[in-house]
C-alpha cells in the first residue's frame, strides 16, 4: 500500500501560464525545464495528475529530484522552482581570470618560448602576465585557466625529460 501524499499541488492560472512559458523559452536550462514539468505533472487543478514515480519516469529524472522539486515549490513557490540558487562561493565567483585575460594567456603560451628557455613553465606566463592583463594574476590562477582549456604547459614536446630520466638511471 502506497504512502499518502504529503503535499498536494494546486496551481493558479497565473502560475500555470508562467510554468508553461518558462518551458517554451529557448534559453531555459534542462534542469529548470524538468522542474517545471514535474510541477505541472503533479498539479491537481489542471488535467491528469501523475504519481511521483510516473512523473520521474516521464521526465527522465530520479525520485529525489521530484521530491526536492515539490519541496522547493511548497517552501518557495514558483520562483524557487524556476531559478537557480547559486552559492556565492561557486567557481564563477572565485575566478580571478576573466575571458579576455584567459585569451591573452593562451595567446602568450601558444607563442614562441622566451629566449633562454626550452619550453614554457607556469612561472613564465606569470612573469609575462604582469605586463599583459590589467590586473596581475598569480601562478595558481594561470594554472587553473590553462588546465580548464586543456592547454598544459608542463607537458614536454621535446626529449628533454627523457634525457633526464636516462641520465639519472
Protein backbone atom coordinates (compact mmCIF):
# COMPACT_ATOMS: atom_id res chain seq x y z
CA UNK A 1 0.00 0.00 0.00
CA UNK A 2 1.40 3.38 -1.03
CA UNK A 3 2.03 6.14 1.43
CA UNK A 4 -0.43 9.07 1.15
CA UNK A 5 0.88 12.24 -0.49
CA UNK A 6 2.45 14.67 1.93
CA UNK A 7 1.96 17.73 -0.30
CA UNK A 8 -0.82 18.48 -2.76
CA UNK A 9 -0.06 20.93 -5.55
CA UNK A 10 -2.82 23.26 -6.76
CA UNK A 11 -1.55 25.82 -9.29
CA UNK A 12 -3.39 29.04 -10.04
CA UNK A 13 -3.99 30.03 -13.66
CA UNK A 14 -1.20 32.61 -13.46
CA UNK A 15 1.30 30.07 -12.06
CA UNK A 16 0.24 27.53 -14.69
CA UNK A 17 0.83 30.05 -17.51
CA UNK A 18 4.18 31.09 -16.06
CA UNK A 19 5.43 27.49 -15.91
CA UNK A 20 4.26 26.84 -19.48
CA UNK A 21 6.05 29.99 -20.73
CA UNK A 22 9.27 29.07 -18.90
CA UNK A 23 9.22 25.62 -20.52
CA UNK A 24 8.72 27.13 -24.00
CA UNK A 25 11.65 29.58 -23.80
CA UNK A 26 14.79 28.57 -25.69
CA UNK A 27 17.22 29.87 -23.08
CA UNK A 28 15.68 27.80 -20.25
CA UNK A 29 18.09 25.16 -18.97
CA UNK A 30 17.20 21.49 -18.95
CA UNK A 31 17.17 21.44 -15.15
CA UNK A 32 14.65 24.28 -14.85
CA UNK A 33 12.56 22.83 -17.68
CA UNK A 34 12.34 19.42 -15.98
CA UNK A 35 11.49 21.04 -12.62
CA UNK A 36 8.63 22.97 -14.21
CA UNK A 37 7.35 19.86 -15.99
CA UNK A 38 7.38 17.90 -12.71
CA UNK A 39 5.25 20.57 -11.04
CA UNK A 40 2.84 20.59 -14.00
CA UNK A 41 2.57 16.79 -13.88
CA UNK A 42 1.72 16.80 -10.18
CA UNK A 43 -0.75 19.72 -10.37
CA UNK A 44 -4.21 18.61 -9.23
CA UNK A 45 -6.06 21.69 -10.52
CA UNK A 46 -5.25 21.23 -14.22
CA UNK A 47 -5.65 17.96 -16.11
CA UNK A 48 -4.38 14.48 -15.37
CA UNK A 49 -2.37 14.04 -12.17
CA UNK A 50 0.62 11.71 -12.27
CA UNK A 51 2.22 9.98 -9.32
CA UNK A 52 5.75 10.88 -8.29
CA UNK A 53 7.09 7.70 -9.92
CA UNK A 54 5.25 8.36 -13.19
CA UNK A 55 6.45 11.96 -13.26
CA UNK A 56 10.06 10.92 -12.62
CA UNK A 57 9.91 8.33 -15.39
CA UNK A 58 8.24 10.61 -17.96
CA UNK A 59 10.71 13.47 -17.31
CA UNK A 60 13.82 11.30 -17.12
CA UNK A 61 14.75 12.34 -13.58
CA UNK A 62 15.18 10.41 -10.34
CA UNK A 63 12.70 10.27 -7.49
CA UNK A 64 14.88 12.53 -5.34
CA UNK A 65 14.60 15.27 -7.98
CA UNK A 66 10.81 15.03 -7.94
CA UNK A 67 10.70 15.13 -4.14
CA UNK A 68 13.15 18.04 -3.95
CA UNK A 69 11.25 19.98 -6.62
CA UNK A 70 7.94 19.54 -4.78
CA UNK A 71 9.58 20.66 -1.52
CA UNK A 72 11.07 23.70 -3.29
CA UNK A 73 7.64 24.62 -4.65
CA UNK A 74 5.91 24.22 -1.28
CA UNK A 75 8.55 26.26 0.58
CA UNK A 76 9.36 28.94 -2.01
CA UNK A 77 6.65 28.95 -4.64
CA UNK A 78 7.10 29.20 -8.41
CA UNK A 79 10.17 31.45 -8.14
CA UNK A 80 12.10 28.80 -6.18
CA UNK A 81 11.40 26.25 -8.91
CA UNK A 82 12.24 28.48 -11.88
CA UNK A 83 15.51 29.97 -10.61
CA UNK A 84 18.91 28.57 -9.67
CA UNK A 85 20.14 29.43 -6.23
CA UNK A 86 23.89 29.85 -6.69
CA UNK A 87 26.28 29.82 -3.79
CA UNK A 88 28.44 32.95 -3.55
CA UNK A 89 31.47 30.69 -3.18
CA UNK A 90 30.83 28.96 -6.50
CA UNK A 91 33.62 28.63 -9.05
CA UNK A 92 32.45 31.60 -11.12
CA UNK A 93 32.50 33.88 -8.09
CA UNK A 94 36.05 32.86 -7.23
CA UNK A 95 37.52 33.16 -10.73
CA UNK A 96 40.47 35.51 -10.89
CA UNK A 97 40.91 35.33 -14.67
CA UNK A 98 38.16 36.62 -16.93
CA UNK A 99 37.70 35.56 -20.55
CA UNK A 100 39.78 38.36 -22.03
CA UNK A 101 42.74 37.69 -19.72
CA UNK A 102 42.41 33.97 -20.34
CA UNK A 103 42.59 34.55 -24.11
CA UNK A 104 45.72 36.68 -23.66
CA UNK A 105 47.34 33.99 -21.53
CA UNK A 106 46.64 31.32 -24.14
CA UNK A 107 47.92 33.60 -26.90
CA UNK A 108 51.07 34.20 -24.88
CA UNK A 109 51.56 30.49 -24.12
CA UNK A 110 50.99 29.47 -27.75
CA UNK A 111 53.63 31.93 -28.91
CA UNK A 112 57.34 31.32 -29.09
CA UNK A 113 59.20 30.22 -25.98
CA UNK A 114 61.18 33.05 -24.33
CA UNK A 115 64.86 33.21 -25.08
CA UNK A 116 66.99 31.11 -22.75
CA UNK A 117 64.21 28.57 -22.05
CA UNK A 118 63.50 25.26 -23.75
CA UNK A 119 59.76 25.29 -23.00
CA UNK A 120 57.02 27.20 -21.20
CA UNK A 121 56.60 26.74 -17.46
CA UNK A 122 53.83 28.06 -15.23
CA UNK A 123 56.14 30.74 -13.84
CA UNK A 124 57.00 32.21 -17.25
CA UNK A 125 53.43 33.32 -18.11
CA UNK A 126 53.14 34.63 -14.55
CA UNK A 127 56.10 36.96 -15.16
CA UNK A 128 54.85 37.94 -18.62
CA UNK A 129 51.22 38.29 -17.50
CA UNK A 130 52.06 41.11 -15.12
CA UNK A 131 52.56 43.20 -18.24
CA UNK A 132 49.71 41.81 -20.38
CA UNK A 133 46.44 41.94 -18.32
CA UNK A 134 45.08 44.94 -16.47
CA UNK A 135 45.23 43.08 -13.16
CA UNK A 136 48.16 40.82 -12.36
CA UNK A 137 47.27 37.18 -11.78
CA UNK A 138 49.09 34.56 -9.76
CA UNK A 139 50.59 31.24 -10.75
CA UNK A 140 47.66 29.17 -9.49
CA UNK A 141 45.11 31.25 -11.43
CA UNK A 142 47.19 30.80 -14.59
CA UNK A 143 47.46 27.06 -13.97
CA UNK A 144 43.68 26.74 -13.47
CA UNK A 145 42.91 28.77 -16.60
CA UNK A 146 45.26 26.73 -18.77
CA UNK A 147 44.07 23.46 -17.24
CA UNK A 148 40.46 24.40 -17.93
CA UNK A 149 41.26 24.91 -21.60
CA UNK A 150 43.29 21.65 -21.79
CA UNK A 151 46.46 23.63 -22.52
CA UNK A 152 49.01 22.07 -20.21
CA UNK A 153 52.38 23.82 -20.17
CA UNK A 154 54.08 21.15 -18.13
CA UNK A 155 53.99 18.53 -20.90
CA UNK A 156 57.22 18.38 -22.83
CA UNK A 157 57.24 18.18 -26.57
CA UNK A 158 60.98 17.63 -26.77
CA UNK A 159 63.05 14.73 -25.50
CA UNK A 160 64.48 16.76 -22.58
CA UNK A 161 62.55 14.83 -19.95
CA UNK A 162 63.63 11.50 -21.44
CA UNK A 163 67.26 12.62 -21.38
CA UNK A 164 66.98 13.49 -17.67
CA UNK A 165 65.49 10.07 -16.91
CA UNK A 166 68.24 8.20 -18.74
CA UNK A 167 70.99 10.17 -17.02
CA UNK A 168 69.50 9.58 -13.56
CA UNK A 169 69.09 5.82 -14.02
